[in-house]
Amino acid sequence: MKGRLLLDFEKTIQQQMKQIRNEMTRFMMNYKFGLHEMNTKIEILKEEFQHIHDYNPIEHIKSRLKSPESILKKIAQKELDFNFDTIRENIHDIAGIRIVCSFVTDIYKISDMIQKQEDITVIDCKDYIKNPKPNGYQSLHLILSVPVFLSDRVEKVHVEIQIRTVAMDFWASLEHKIYYKYDKAIPAHLSKELKDAADVATELDHRMENLHNEIKELKENESEQELSLLELNNDKFHLPAALLESFFKKR
């Protein structure tokens, strides 16, 4: 009798685990599709700039999907109940995209173009460029709601987008490695060094953008000079219409 009860209990547990696994798979698929939708939108912008404009502000794009293990860990950290509605409402970085730009002005340009898309809803925007974190971290964070069109319904999925410059991305990558190497307890002198390095990265961004603007202005001036020279040559070598008309009348 006990053996039968134990078998029934194990069978029930297995069925419950299978159901949770299937629900988690469907849940994660929605975020995977939301990531695809957002990546497609960004790739379209990138390709448009490559082929139509003379300058592409997007250096590269990287995306990632949190693992179920990472999600469960975050649930435990936030002391949340384990149910999918709670996860949707409280964890907004399951699907994430990082866009790396050349210059700071590019960050706001890309952000503006993304936010203006009609089927996207902006849930939150955190500007760590105008207001850097105490450790020196800089980036623009957007939490967006993206529609995923399934066979029988439309799901709204949260996608986090981080937009930063090459210098900001380099600093954040190294800071992350140091942070976890010291198990999140960085010595005070290293924290100061990291903050100083963040300031240097900010200065580099400003200097490179100034150089970019100066070069752009020089090119614009050269184009204007070439146009003026072309107009002058036309005046020199093309007879006025009135003179040509008079000549043919005499003939």
Protein backbone atom coordinates (compact mmCIF):
# COMPACT_ATOMS: atom_id res chain seq x y z
CA MET A 1 0.00 0.00 0.00
CA LYS A 2 2.82 2.40 0.93
CA GLY A 3 4.63 1.52 -2.27
CA ARG A 4 1.52 2.34 -4.30
CA LEU A 5 1.08 5.70 -2.53
CA LEU A 6 4.74 6.54 -3.14
CA LEU A 7 4.41 5.73 -6.84
CA ASP A 8 1.27 7.89 -7.11
CA PHE A 9 3.07 10.75 -5.31
CA GLU A 10 6.09 10.53 -7.62
CA LYS A 11 3.80 10.45 -10.66
CA THR A 12 1.96 13.56 -9.42
CA ILE A 13 5.25 15.40 -8.84
CA GLN A 14 6.50 14.45 -12.31
CA GLN A 15 3.28 15.71 -13.90
CA GLN A 16 3.49 19.00 -12.00
CA MET A 17 7.15 19.43 -12.97
CA LYS A 18 6.32 18.72 -16.60
CA GLN A 19 3.52 21.29 -16.53
CA ILE A 20 5.81 23.94 -14.98
CA ARG A 21 8.51 23.16 -17.56
CA ASN A 22 6.02 23.50 -20.44
CA GLU A 23 4.67 26.78 -19.05
CA MET A 24 8.21 28.11 -18.60
CA THR A 25 9.06 27.12 -22.18
CA ARG A 26 6.03 29.02 -23.54
CA PHE A 27 6.84 31.97 -21.26
CA MET A 28 10.45 32.14 -22.45
CA MET A 29 9.43 31.76 -26.11
CA ASN A 30 7.38 34.96 -25.86
CA TYR A 31 10.48 36.86 -24.72
CA LYS A 32 12.56 35.21 -27.42
CA PHE A 33 10.05 36.38 -30.05
CA GLY A 34 9.95 39.87 -28.49
CA LEU A 35 13.74 40.00 -28.76
CA HIS A 36 13.51 39.01 -32.45
CA GLU A 37 10.91 41.74 -33.09
CA MET A 38 13.07 44.43 -31.48
CA ASN A 39 16.28 43.21 -33.12
CA THR A 40 14.56 43.38 -36.50
CA LYS A 41 13.50 46.98 -35.90
CA ILE A 42 17.03 48.00 -34.93
CA GLU A 43 18.62 46.12 -37.84
CA ILE A 44 16.27 47.94 -40.23
CA LEU A 45 17.42 51.29 -38.83
CA LYS A 46 21.06 50.22 -39.10
CA GLU A 47 20.71 49.04 -42.70
CA GLU A 48 18.79 52.18 -43.68
CA PHE A 49 21.64 54.34 -42.38
CA GLN A 50 24.21 52.22 -44.22
CA HIS A 51 22.49 52.54 -47.60
CA ILE A 52 20.70 55.89 -47.54
CA HIS A 53 22.61 58.18 -45.20
CA ASP A 54 26.30 58.98 -45.36
CA TYR A 55 26.84 58.10 -41.69
CA ASN A 56 25.83 55.12 -39.55
CA PRO A 57 25.53 55.89 -35.79
CA ILE A 58 25.27 52.21 -34.77
CA GLU A 59 28.62 50.48 -34.23
CA HIS A 60 27.25 47.11 -33.16
CA ILE A 61 24.29 45.37 -31.51
CA LYS A 62 24.27 42.59 -28.93
CA SER A 63 21.22 40.81 -27.50
CA ARG A 64 20.67 38.23 -24.77
CA LEU A 65 17.88 36.28 -23.10
CA LYS A 66 18.09 35.56 -19.38
CA SER A 67 18.23 31.87 -18.50
CA PRO A 68 15.43 30.36 -16.34
CA GLU A 69 18.05 29.91 -13.61
CA SER A 70 18.89 33.65 -13.66
CA ILE A 71 15.19 34.51 -13.50
CA LEU A 72 14.65 32.22 -10.49
CA LYS A 73 17.69 33.78 -8.78
CA LYS A 74 16.28 37.27 -9.32
CA ILE A 75 12.88 36.17 -7.97
CA ALA A 76 14.64 34.98 -4.79
CA GLN A 77 16.63 38.24 -4.51
CA LYS A 78 13.47 40.33 -4.82
CA GLU A 79 11.53 37.91 -2.56
CA LEU A 80 8.76 37.52 -5.14
CA ASP A 81 6.17 34.77 -5.43
CA PHE A 82 6.85 32.28 -8.19
CA ASN A 83 4.15 32.85 -10.77
CA PHE A 84 4.42 34.13 -14.31
CA ASP A 85 2.24 37.22 -13.82
CA THR A 86 4.49 38.39 -10.98
CA ILE A 87 7.58 37.79 -13.11
CA ARG A 88 6.11 39.81 -16.01
CA GLU A 89 5.24 42.74 -13.75
CA ASN A 90 8.49 42.88 -11.77
CA ILE A 91 11.33 41.62 -13.96
CA HIS A 92 11.75 43.74 -17.08
CA ASP A 93 15.22 42.70 -18.25
CA ILE A 94 14.54 39.09 -19.28
CA ALA A 95 15.05 40.15 -22.90
CA GLY A 96 17.87 42.65 -23.36
CA ILE A 97 19.58 44.46 -26.23
CA ARG A 98 22.70 46.59 -26.11
CA ILE A 99 23.31 49.15 -28.85
CA VAL A 100 26.79 50.64 -29.05
CA CYS A 101 27.10 54.01 -30.82
CA SER A 102 29.98 56.18 -31.93
CA PHE A 103 29.01 59.38 -30.14
CA VAL A 104 26.79 60.57 -27.28
CA THR A 105 24.46 62.46 -29.65
CA ASP A 106 23.94 59.18 -31.52
CA ILE A 107 22.53 57.61 -28.34
CA TYR A 108 19.69 60.12 -28.15
CA LYS A 109 19.16 59.97 -31.92
CA ILE A 110 18.70 56.18 -31.83
CA SER A 111 16.57 56.35 -28.67
CA ASP A 112 14.27 58.92 -30.26
CA MET A 113 13.81 56.85 -33.44
CA ILE A 114 12.98 53.72 -31.44
CA GLN A 115 10.53 55.46 -29.10
CA LYS A 116 8.66 57.04 -32.03
CA GLN A 117 7.70 53.68 -33.54
CA GLU A 118 3.92 53.36 -33.32
CA ASP A 119 3.66 49.80 -31.99
CA ILE A 120 6.16 50.36 -29.15
CA THR A 121 5.15 51.57 -25.69
CA VAL A 122 7.81 53.18 -23.50
CA ILE A 123 7.48 51.82 -19.94
CA ASP A 124 10.53 53.52 -18.44
CA CYS A 125 13.58 55.57 -19.40
CA LYS A 126 16.64 55.97 -17.18
CA ASP A 127 19.34 58.36 -18.33
CA TYR A 128 22.60 57.41 -16.64
CA ILE A 129 24.48 59.72 -19.03
CA LYS A 130 23.03 62.97 -17.75
CA ASN A 131 22.88 61.39 -14.27
CA PRO A 132 25.71 58.82 -13.97
CA LYS A 133 25.68 56.22 -11.20
CA PRO A 134 28.01 56.94 -8.23
CA ASN A 135 30.57 54.41 -9.54
CA GLY A 136 30.77 56.26 -12.88
CA TYR A 137 28.50 53.99 -14.94
CA GLN A 138 26.90 55.70 -17.95
CA SER A 139 24.26 54.43 -20.38
CA LEU A 140 20.72 55.15 -21.51
CA HIS A 141 18.23 52.46 -20.43
CA LEU A 142 14.83 51.98 -22.04
CA ILE A 143 12.16 49.52 -20.95
CA LEU A 144 9.82 48.96 -23.88
CA SER A 145 6.65 46.96 -24.39
CA VAL A 146 6.81 45.16 -27.74
CA PRO A 147 3.87 43.32 -29.37
CA VAL A 148 4.45 39.68 -30.31
CA PHE A 149 1.92 38.40 -32.86
CA LEU A 150 1.22 34.73 -32.19
CA SER A 151 -1.16 32.42 -34.04
CA ASP A 152 -4.06 33.01 -31.64
CA ARG A 153 -3.23 36.19 -29.74
CA VAL A 154 -0.95 39.18 -29.29
CA GLU A 155 1.43 39.16 -26.32
CA LYS A 156 3.02 42.33 -24.92
CA VAL A 157 6.62 41.63 -23.95
CA HIS A 158 9.05 43.84 -22.05
CA VAL A 159 12.45 44.38 -23.65
CA GLU A 160 15.27 46.34 -22.04
CA ILE A 161 17.51 48.36 -24.35
CA GLN A 162 20.83 49.83 -23.23
CA ILE A 163 22.37 52.42 -25.54
CA ARG A 164 25.94 53.60 -24.93
CA THR A 165 29.12 54.74 -26.67
CA VAL A 166 32.15 52.55 -27.36
CA ALA A 167 34.00 54.18 -24.44
CA MET A 168 31.07 53.63 -22.06
CA ASP A 169 30.75 50.01 -23.18
CA PHE A 170 34.49 49.36 -22.70
CA TRP A 171 34.38 50.80 -19.17
CA ALA A 172 31.21 48.89 -18.20
CA SER A 173 32.63 45.60 -19.47
CA LEU A 174 35.82 45.92 -17.42
CA GLU A 175 33.95 47.18 -14.34
CA HIS A 176 31.66 44.14 -14.53
CA LYS A 177 34.63 41.76 -14.63
CA ILE A 178 36.33 43.46 -11.65
CA TYR A 179 33.02 43.61 -9.74
CA TYR A 180 32.51 39.85 -9.94
CA LYS A 181 36.19 39.02 -9.44
CA TYR A 182 36.02 40.62 -6.00
CA ASP A 183 32.60 39.06 -5.32
CA LYS A 184 30.89 42.48 -5.48
CA ALA A 185 33.13 43.91 -2.74
CA ILE A 186 35.60 46.09 -4.61
CA PRO A 187 38.37 47.65 -2.47
CA ALA A 188 38.00 51.42 -1.96
CA HIS A 189 41.13 52.35 -3.93
CA LEU A 190 39.91 50.32 -6.94
CA SER A 191 36.48 51.96 -6.77
CA LYS A 192 38.19 55.34 -6.95
CA GLU A 193 40.33 54.19 -9.89
CA LEU A 194 37.22 52.97 -11.70
CA LYS A 195 35.45 56.28 -11.10
CA ASP A 196 38.49 58.16 -12.41
CA ALA A 197 38.57 55.89 -15.47
CA ALA A 198 34.87 56.63 -16.08
CA ASP A 199 35.67 60.36 -16.02
CA VAL A 200 38.46 59.79 -18.56
CA ALA A 201 36.04 57.84 -20.80
CA THR A 202 33.57 60.74 -20.59
CA GLU A 203 36.27 63.22 -21.56
CA LEU A 204 37.28 60.97 -24.47
CA ASP A 205 33.66 60.89 -25.70
CA HIS A 206 33.49 64.69 -25.60
CA ARG A 207 36.79 65.15 -27.42
CA MET A 208 35.97 62.60 -30.14
CA GLU A 209 32.56 64.17 -30.72
CA ASN A 210 34.15 67.61 -31.04
CA LEU A 211 36.60 66.22 -33.60
CA HIS A 212 33.72 64.58 -35.48
CA ASN A 213 31.80 67.87 -35.59
CA GLU A 214 34.86 69.80 -36.78
CA ILE A 215 35.52 67.30 -39.59
CA LYS A 216 31.85 67.40 -40.55
CA GLU A 217 31.95 71.20 -40.71
CA LEU A 218 35.11 71.13 -42.85
CA LYS A 219 33.45 68.72 -45.30
CA GLU A 220 30.36 70.90 -45.50
CA ASN A 221 32.52 73.97 -46.21
CA GLU A 222 34.45 72.06 -48.90
CA SER A 223 31.18 71.02 -50.54
CA GLU A 224 29.96 74.61 -50.55
CA GLN A 225 33.25 75.80 -52.10
CA GLU A 226 33.05 73.12 -54.80
CA LEU A 227 29.50 74.14 -55.59
CA SER A 228 30.47 77.81 -55.83
CA LEU A 229 33.38 76.93 -58.15
CA LEU A 230 31.08 74.85 -60.34
CA GLU A 231 28.60 77.72 -60.62
CA LEU A 232 31.47 80.10 -61.50
CA ASN A 233 32.70 77.76 -64.26
CA ASN A 234 29.18 77.55 -65.66
CA ASP A 235 29.04 81.33 -65.82
CA LYS A 236 32.41 81.43 -67.64
CA PHE A 237 31.85 78.78 -70.25
CA HIS A 238 28.10 78.91 -70.94
CA LEU A 239 26.75 81.79 -73.05
CA PRO A 240 23.69 83.56 -71.69
CA ALA A 241 20.39 82.45 -73.24
CA ALA A 242 19.61 85.98 -74.54
CA LEU A 243 22.92 86.13 -76.42
CA LEU A 244 22.34 82.73 -78.05
CA GLU A 245 18.86 83.77 -79.12
CA SER A 246 20.19 86.99 -80.71
CA PHE A 247 22.90 85.03 -82.57
CA PHE A 248 20.45 82.59 -84.17
CA LYS A 249 18.07 85.40 -85.17
CA LYS A 250 20.89 87.06 -87.15
CA ARG A 251 21.58 83.77 -88.93
